[in-house]
Amino acid sequence: MSASIELTKSGAYCIQGELTLDTVTALLQQSKKLFTGQKEITINLAEVTHSNSAGLALLLEWLSQCKASGTTIQFKDIPDALTAIASLYNVRGLLPKTGHPLSPKNSGA
């Protein structure tokens, strides 16, 4: 199982591979370096091949970090499995999608 995060030419970060307990810790460490100093972050999840609750936890951690640093964040192409897990845990509304970014102004901060 593997996963990677890369900055694309469009300026979005693309996540590829699996978002599971085996991969999210490394992705979180990589993202801390990549996201430092960014004011706006878009994360494209279209190439995620498998995800579970650990993947949802990663997205929520990114939300928390961005809120704390005053960074705007949005997710693009959230996989159905992650959306279903977020609905199950009643946190689906917390995941900002493309066109509805979470920014410090509208995050309740």
N, C-alpha and C. Protein backbone atom coordinates (compact mmCIF):
# COMPACT_ATOMS: atom_id res chain seq x y z
N MET A 1 0.84 -1.18 0.00
CA MET A 1 0.00 0.00 0.00
C MET A 1 0.88 1.24 0.00
N SER A 2 0.53 2.17 -0.85
CA SER A 2 1.30 3.40 -0.89
C SER A 2 0.40 4.56 -1.28
N ALA A 3 0.92 5.74 -1.01
CA ALA A 3 0.22 6.97 -1.36
C ALA A 3 1.26 8.05 -1.55
N SER A 4 0.90 9.06 -2.34
CA SER A 4 1.81 10.17 -2.54
C SER A 4 1.00 11.46 -2.66
N ILE A 5 1.70 12.56 -2.44
CA ILE A 5 1.12 13.88 -2.60
C ILE A 5 2.07 14.69 -3.46
N GLU A 6 1.51 15.31 -4.50
CA GLU A 6 2.33 16.08 -5.43
C GLU A 6 1.62 17.38 -5.79
N LEU A 7 2.41 18.41 -6.00
CA LEU A 7 1.88 19.68 -6.47
C LEU A 7 1.76 19.61 -7.99
N THR A 8 0.57 19.87 -8.52
CA THR A 8 0.35 19.80 -9.96
C THR A 8 0.59 21.17 -10.61
N LYS A 9 0.63 21.17 -11.91
CA LYS A 9 0.82 22.43 -12.65
C LYS A 9 -0.30 23.42 -12.40
N SER A 10 -1.49 22.91 -12.06
CA SER A 10 -2.64 23.79 -11.80
C SER A 10 -2.55 24.46 -10.44
N GLY A 11 -1.58 24.02 -9.62
CA GLY A 11 -1.44 24.59 -8.29
C GLY A 11 -2.15 23.80 -7.21
N ALA A 12 -2.86 22.74 -7.59
CA ALA A 12 -3.53 21.89 -6.62
C ALA A 12 -2.58 20.77 -6.20
N TYR A 13 -2.82 20.24 -5.02
CA TYR A 13 -2.09 19.07 -4.56
C TYR A 13 -2.90 17.84 -4.92
N CYS A 14 -2.26 16.87 -5.56
CA CYS A 14 -2.93 15.65 -5.97
C CYS A 14 -2.50 14.52 -5.05
N ILE A 15 -3.49 13.82 -4.50
CA ILE A 15 -3.23 12.65 -3.67
C ILE A 15 -3.45 11.43 -4.55
N GLN A 16 -2.47 10.54 -4.57
CA GLN A 16 -2.57 9.32 -5.35
C GLN A 16 -2.38 8.11 -4.43
N GLY A 17 -3.16 7.07 -4.67
CA GLY A 17 -3.01 5.84 -3.91
C GLY A 17 -4.06 5.68 -2.84
N GLU A 18 -3.67 5.01 -1.77
CA GLU A 18 -4.61 4.64 -0.72
C GLU A 18 -4.48 5.55 0.50
N LEU A 19 -5.63 5.91 1.07
CA LEU A 19 -5.67 6.68 2.31
C LEU A 19 -6.10 5.73 3.42
N THR A 20 -5.13 5.09 4.04
CA THR A 20 -5.38 4.09 5.08
C THR A 20 -4.43 4.34 6.24
N LEU A 21 -4.60 3.57 7.28
CA LEU A 21 -3.73 3.68 8.45
C LEU A 21 -2.26 3.51 8.07
N ASP A 22 -1.99 2.73 7.05
CA ASP A 22 -0.62 2.48 6.62
C ASP A 22 0.01 3.66 5.88
N THR A 23 -0.79 4.59 5.38
CA THR A 23 -0.25 5.66 4.53
C THR A 23 -0.44 7.08 5.06
N VAL A 24 -1.42 7.31 5.91
CA VAL A 24 -1.77 8.69 6.26
C VAL A 24 -0.71 9.40 7.09
N THR A 25 0.03 8.69 7.92
CA THR A 25 1.06 9.35 8.73
C THR A 25 2.15 9.96 7.84
N ALA A 26 2.60 9.19 6.86
CA ALA A 26 3.62 9.71 5.94
C ALA A 26 3.07 10.88 5.12
N LEU A 27 1.82 10.77 4.67
CA LEU A 27 1.21 11.88 3.92
C LEU A 27 1.11 13.14 4.77
N LEU A 28 0.75 12.98 6.03
CA LEU A 28 0.65 14.13 6.92
C LEU A 28 2.01 14.80 7.08
N GLN A 29 3.06 14.02 7.27
CA GLN A 29 4.40 14.59 7.41
C GLN A 29 4.83 15.31 6.13
N GLN A 30 4.58 14.72 4.98
CA GLN A 30 4.93 15.34 3.70
C GLN A 30 4.15 16.64 3.51
N SER A 31 2.87 16.61 3.86
CA SER A 31 2.02 17.78 3.63
C SER A 31 2.44 18.95 4.51
N LYS A 32 2.93 18.69 5.70
CA LYS A 32 3.36 19.78 6.58
C LYS A 32 4.44 20.61 5.91
N LYS A 33 5.36 19.95 5.23
CA LYS A 33 6.43 20.65 4.52
C LYS A 33 5.86 21.39 3.30
N LEU A 34 4.99 20.71 2.57
CA LEU A 34 4.45 21.30 1.34
C LEU A 34 3.51 22.47 1.60
N PHE A 35 2.73 22.40 2.67
CA PHE A 35 1.70 23.40 2.93
C PHE A 35 2.22 24.63 3.66
N THR A 36 3.41 24.56 4.24
CA THR A 36 3.95 25.68 5.00
C THR A 36 4.02 26.94 4.15
N GLY A 37 3.44 28.00 4.66
CA GLY A 37 3.47 29.28 3.97
C GLY A 37 2.39 29.48 2.92
N GLN A 38 1.59 28.45 2.65
CA GLN A 38 0.53 28.57 1.66
C GLN A 38 -0.66 29.31 2.25
N LYS A 39 -1.30 30.14 1.46
CA LYS A 39 -2.51 30.84 1.91
C LYS A 39 -3.78 30.17 1.40
N GLU A 40 -3.67 29.45 0.29
CA GLU A 40 -4.80 28.73 -0.29
C GLU A 40 -4.33 27.35 -0.73
N ILE A 41 -5.08 26.34 -0.34
CA ILE A 41 -4.72 24.96 -0.69
C ILE A 41 -5.94 24.26 -1.28
N THR A 42 -5.73 23.64 -2.43
CA THR A 42 -6.73 22.76 -3.03
C THR A 42 -6.12 21.37 -3.10
N ILE A 43 -6.86 20.40 -2.61
CA ILE A 43 -6.40 19.02 -2.61
C ILE A 43 -7.33 18.19 -3.49
N ASN A 44 -6.76 17.64 -4.56
CA ASN A 44 -7.52 16.81 -5.49
C ASN A 44 -7.38 15.35 -5.07
N LEU A 45 -8.52 14.73 -4.84
CA LEU A 45 -8.56 13.35 -4.36
C LEU A 45 -9.02 12.36 -5.44
N ALA A 46 -9.05 12.79 -6.69
CA ALA A 46 -9.57 11.96 -7.78
C ALA A 46 -8.77 10.67 -7.97
N GLU A 47 -7.49 10.66 -7.60
CA GLU A 47 -6.66 9.48 -7.83
C GLU A 47 -6.48 8.62 -6.58
N VAL A 48 -7.34 8.84 -5.58
CA VAL A 48 -7.34 7.97 -4.41
C VAL A 48 -8.01 6.66 -4.80
N THR A 49 -7.32 5.57 -4.59
CA THR A 49 -7.84 4.27 -5.02
C THR A 49 -8.59 3.53 -3.93
N HIS A 50 -8.32 3.83 -2.67
CA HIS A 50 -8.99 3.20 -1.54
C HIS A 50 -8.86 4.13 -0.35
N SER A 51 -9.90 4.19 0.47
CA SER A 51 -9.82 5.02 1.67
C SER A 51 -10.70 4.42 2.75
N ASN A 52 -10.37 4.79 3.98
CA ASN A 52 -11.17 4.35 5.12
C ASN A 52 -11.20 5.49 6.15
N SER A 53 -11.53 5.20 7.37
CA SER A 53 -11.67 6.25 8.37
C SER A 53 -10.34 6.97 8.64
N ALA A 54 -9.22 6.31 8.42
CA ALA A 54 -7.93 6.98 8.57
C ALA A 54 -7.78 8.09 7.53
N GLY A 55 -8.30 7.87 6.34
CA GLY A 55 -8.28 8.91 5.31
C GLY A 55 -9.13 10.10 5.72
N LEU A 56 -10.29 9.83 6.29
CA LEU A 56 -11.14 10.91 6.78
C LEU A 56 -10.43 11.68 7.89
N ALA A 57 -9.77 10.97 8.78
CA ALA A 57 -9.03 11.62 9.86
C ALA A 57 -7.94 12.55 9.30
N LEU A 58 -7.30 12.13 8.22
CA LEU A 58 -6.28 12.97 7.59
C LEU A 58 -6.90 14.26 7.05
N LEU A 59 -8.03 14.15 6.37
CA LEU A 59 -8.69 15.35 5.84
C LEU A 59 -9.07 16.29 6.98
N LEU A 60 -9.59 15.74 8.06
CA LEU A 60 -9.98 16.57 9.19
C LEU A 60 -8.77 17.21 9.86
N GLU A 61 -7.65 16.51 9.89
CA GLU A 61 -6.42 17.09 10.44
C GLU A 61 -5.94 18.24 9.56
N TRP A 62 -6.01 18.06 8.25
CA TRP A 62 -5.64 19.16 7.35
C TRP A 62 -6.55 20.37 7.58
N LEU A 63 -7.83 20.13 7.78
CA LEU A 63 -8.75 21.23 8.07
C LEU A 63 -8.33 21.96 9.34
N SER A 64 -8.01 21.21 10.36
CA SER A 64 -7.59 21.80 11.64
C SER A 64 -6.32 22.61 11.49
N GLN A 65 -5.34 22.07 10.80
CA GLN A 65 -4.09 22.79 10.60
C GLN A 65 -4.29 24.07 9.80
N CYS A 66 -5.11 23.99 8.77
CA CYS A 66 -5.36 25.17 7.95
C CYS A 66 -6.10 26.25 8.73
N LYS A 67 -7.05 25.83 9.53
CA LYS A 67 -7.79 26.79 10.35
C LYS A 67 -6.82 27.49 11.31
N ALA A 68 -5.93 26.73 11.93
CA ALA A 68 -4.98 27.29 12.89
C ALA A 68 -3.99 28.25 12.24
N SER A 69 -3.65 28.01 10.97
CA SER A 69 -2.66 28.85 10.29
C SER A 69 -3.28 29.94 9.42
N GLY A 70 -4.61 30.01 9.38
CA GLY A 70 -5.27 31.03 8.57
C GLY A 70 -5.25 30.74 7.09
N THR A 71 -5.14 29.47 6.73
CA THR A 71 -5.08 29.04 5.33
C THR A 71 -6.45 28.60 4.85
N THR A 72 -6.79 28.97 3.63
CA THR A 72 -8.02 28.51 2.99
C THR A 72 -7.77 27.14 2.38
N ILE A 73 -8.69 26.21 2.58
CA ILE A 73 -8.54 24.86 2.04
C ILE A 73 -9.84 24.40 1.40
N GLN A 74 -9.68 23.60 0.33
CA GLN A 74 -10.84 22.97 -0.29
C GLN A 74 -10.41 21.64 -0.89
N PHE A 75 -11.37 20.72 -0.97
CA PHE A 75 -11.11 19.39 -1.51
C PHE A 75 -11.87 19.24 -2.83
N LYS A 76 -11.21 18.60 -3.77
CA LYS A 76 -11.81 18.35 -5.08
C LYS A 76 -11.91 16.85 -5.30
N ASP A 77 -13.03 16.42 -5.85
CA ASP A 77 -13.25 15.01 -6.20
C ASP A 77 -13.07 14.07 -5.01
N ILE A 78 -13.80 14.37 -3.94
CA ILE A 78 -13.76 13.50 -2.76
C ILE A 78 -14.38 12.16 -3.13
N PRO A 79 -13.65 11.06 -2.90
CA PRO A 79 -14.19 9.74 -3.25
C PRO A 79 -15.48 9.43 -2.50
N ASP A 80 -16.35 8.67 -3.15
CA ASP A 80 -17.63 8.30 -2.54
C ASP A 80 -17.44 7.60 -1.19
N ALA A 81 -16.42 6.78 -1.08
CA ALA A 81 -16.18 6.06 0.18
C ALA A 81 -15.90 7.03 1.33
N LEU A 82 -15.12 8.07 1.05
CA LEU A 82 -14.83 9.07 2.09
C LEU A 82 -16.07 9.88 2.43
N THR A 83 -16.86 10.20 1.42
CA THR A 83 -18.10 10.94 1.67
C THR A 83 -19.05 10.11 2.53
N ALA A 84 -19.13 8.81 2.24
CA ALA A 84 -20.00 7.93 3.02
C ALA A 84 -19.53 7.83 4.47
N ILE A 85 -18.23 7.70 4.68
CA ILE A 85 -17.70 7.63 6.04
C ILE A 85 -17.95 8.95 6.77
N ALA A 86 -17.74 10.06 6.09
CA ALA A 86 -17.99 11.37 6.70
C ALA A 86 -19.46 11.52 7.08
N SER A 87 -20.35 11.02 6.25
CA SER A 87 -21.78 11.06 6.56
C SER A 87 -22.09 10.19 7.77
N LEU A 88 -21.50 9.01 7.82
CA LEU A 88 -21.70 8.09 8.94
C LEU A 88 -21.30 8.74 10.26
N TYR A 89 -20.20 9.49 10.25
CA TYR A 89 -19.71 10.15 11.45
C TYR A 89 -20.28 11.56 11.63
N ASN A 90 -21.20 11.92 10.75
CA ASN A 90 -21.88 13.21 10.81
C ASN A 90 -20.91 14.40 10.72
N VAL A 91 -19.89 14.27 9.86
CA VAL A 91 -18.94 15.36 9.65
C VAL A 91 -18.83 15.75 8.17
N ARG A 92 -19.74 15.25 7.37
CA ARG A 92 -19.68 15.54 5.94
C ARG A 92 -19.68 17.04 5.64
N GLY A 93 -20.45 17.79 6.40
CA GLY A 93 -20.53 19.23 6.20
C GLY A 93 -19.24 19.97 6.52
N LEU A 94 -18.32 19.32 7.19
CA LEU A 94 -17.05 19.96 7.51
C LEU A 94 -16.06 19.94 6.35
N LEU A 95 -16.29 19.09 5.36
CA LEU A 95 -15.35 18.94 4.26
C LEU A 95 -15.65 19.96 3.16
N PRO A 96 -14.82 20.99 3.06
CA PRO A 96 -15.05 22.02 2.05
C PRO A 96 -14.71 21.51 0.65
N LYS A 97 -15.68 21.60 -0.23
CA LYS A 97 -15.48 21.13 -1.60
C LYS A 97 -15.13 22.31 -2.50
N THR A 98 -14.60 21.99 -3.69
CA THR A 98 -14.26 23.01 -4.65
C THR A 98 -15.46 23.93 -4.87
N GLY A 99 -15.21 25.21 -4.81
CA GLY A 99 -16.28 26.19 -4.96
C GLY A 99 -16.85 26.62 -3.63
N HIS A 100 -16.53 25.88 -2.56
CA HIS A 100 -17.00 26.20 -1.21
C HIS A 100 -15.85 26.03 -0.22
N PRO A 101 -14.76 26.78 -0.41
CA PRO A 101 -13.60 26.59 0.44
C PRO A 101 -13.84 27.01 1.88
N LEU A 102 -13.08 26.39 2.77
CA LEU A 102 -13.10 26.79 4.17
C LEU A 102 -11.97 27.80 4.35
N SER A 103 -12.33 28.98 4.77
CA SER A 103 -11.33 30.00 5.02
C SER A 103 -11.51 30.51 6.44
N PRO A 104 -10.51 31.18 6.97
CA PRO A 104 -10.65 31.71 8.32
C PRO A 104 -11.89 32.58 8.50
N LYS A 105 -12.33 33.24 7.43
CA LYS A 105 -13.51 34.12 7.52
C LYS A 105 -14.80 33.34 7.76
N ASN A 106 -14.91 32.12 7.18
CA ASN A 106 -16.17 31.39 7.29
C ASN A 106 -16.05 30.08 8.07
N SER A 107 -14.98 29.97 8.88
CA SER A 107 -14.78 28.74 9.62
C SER A 107 -15.24 28.80 11.05
N GLY A 108 -15.75 29.93 11.45
CA GLY A 108 -16.16 30.08 12.83
C GLY A 108 -15.01 30.47 13.75
N ALA A 109 -13.87 30.78 13.14
CA ALA A 109 -12.69 31.16 13.93
C ALA A 109 -12.81 32.58 14.42
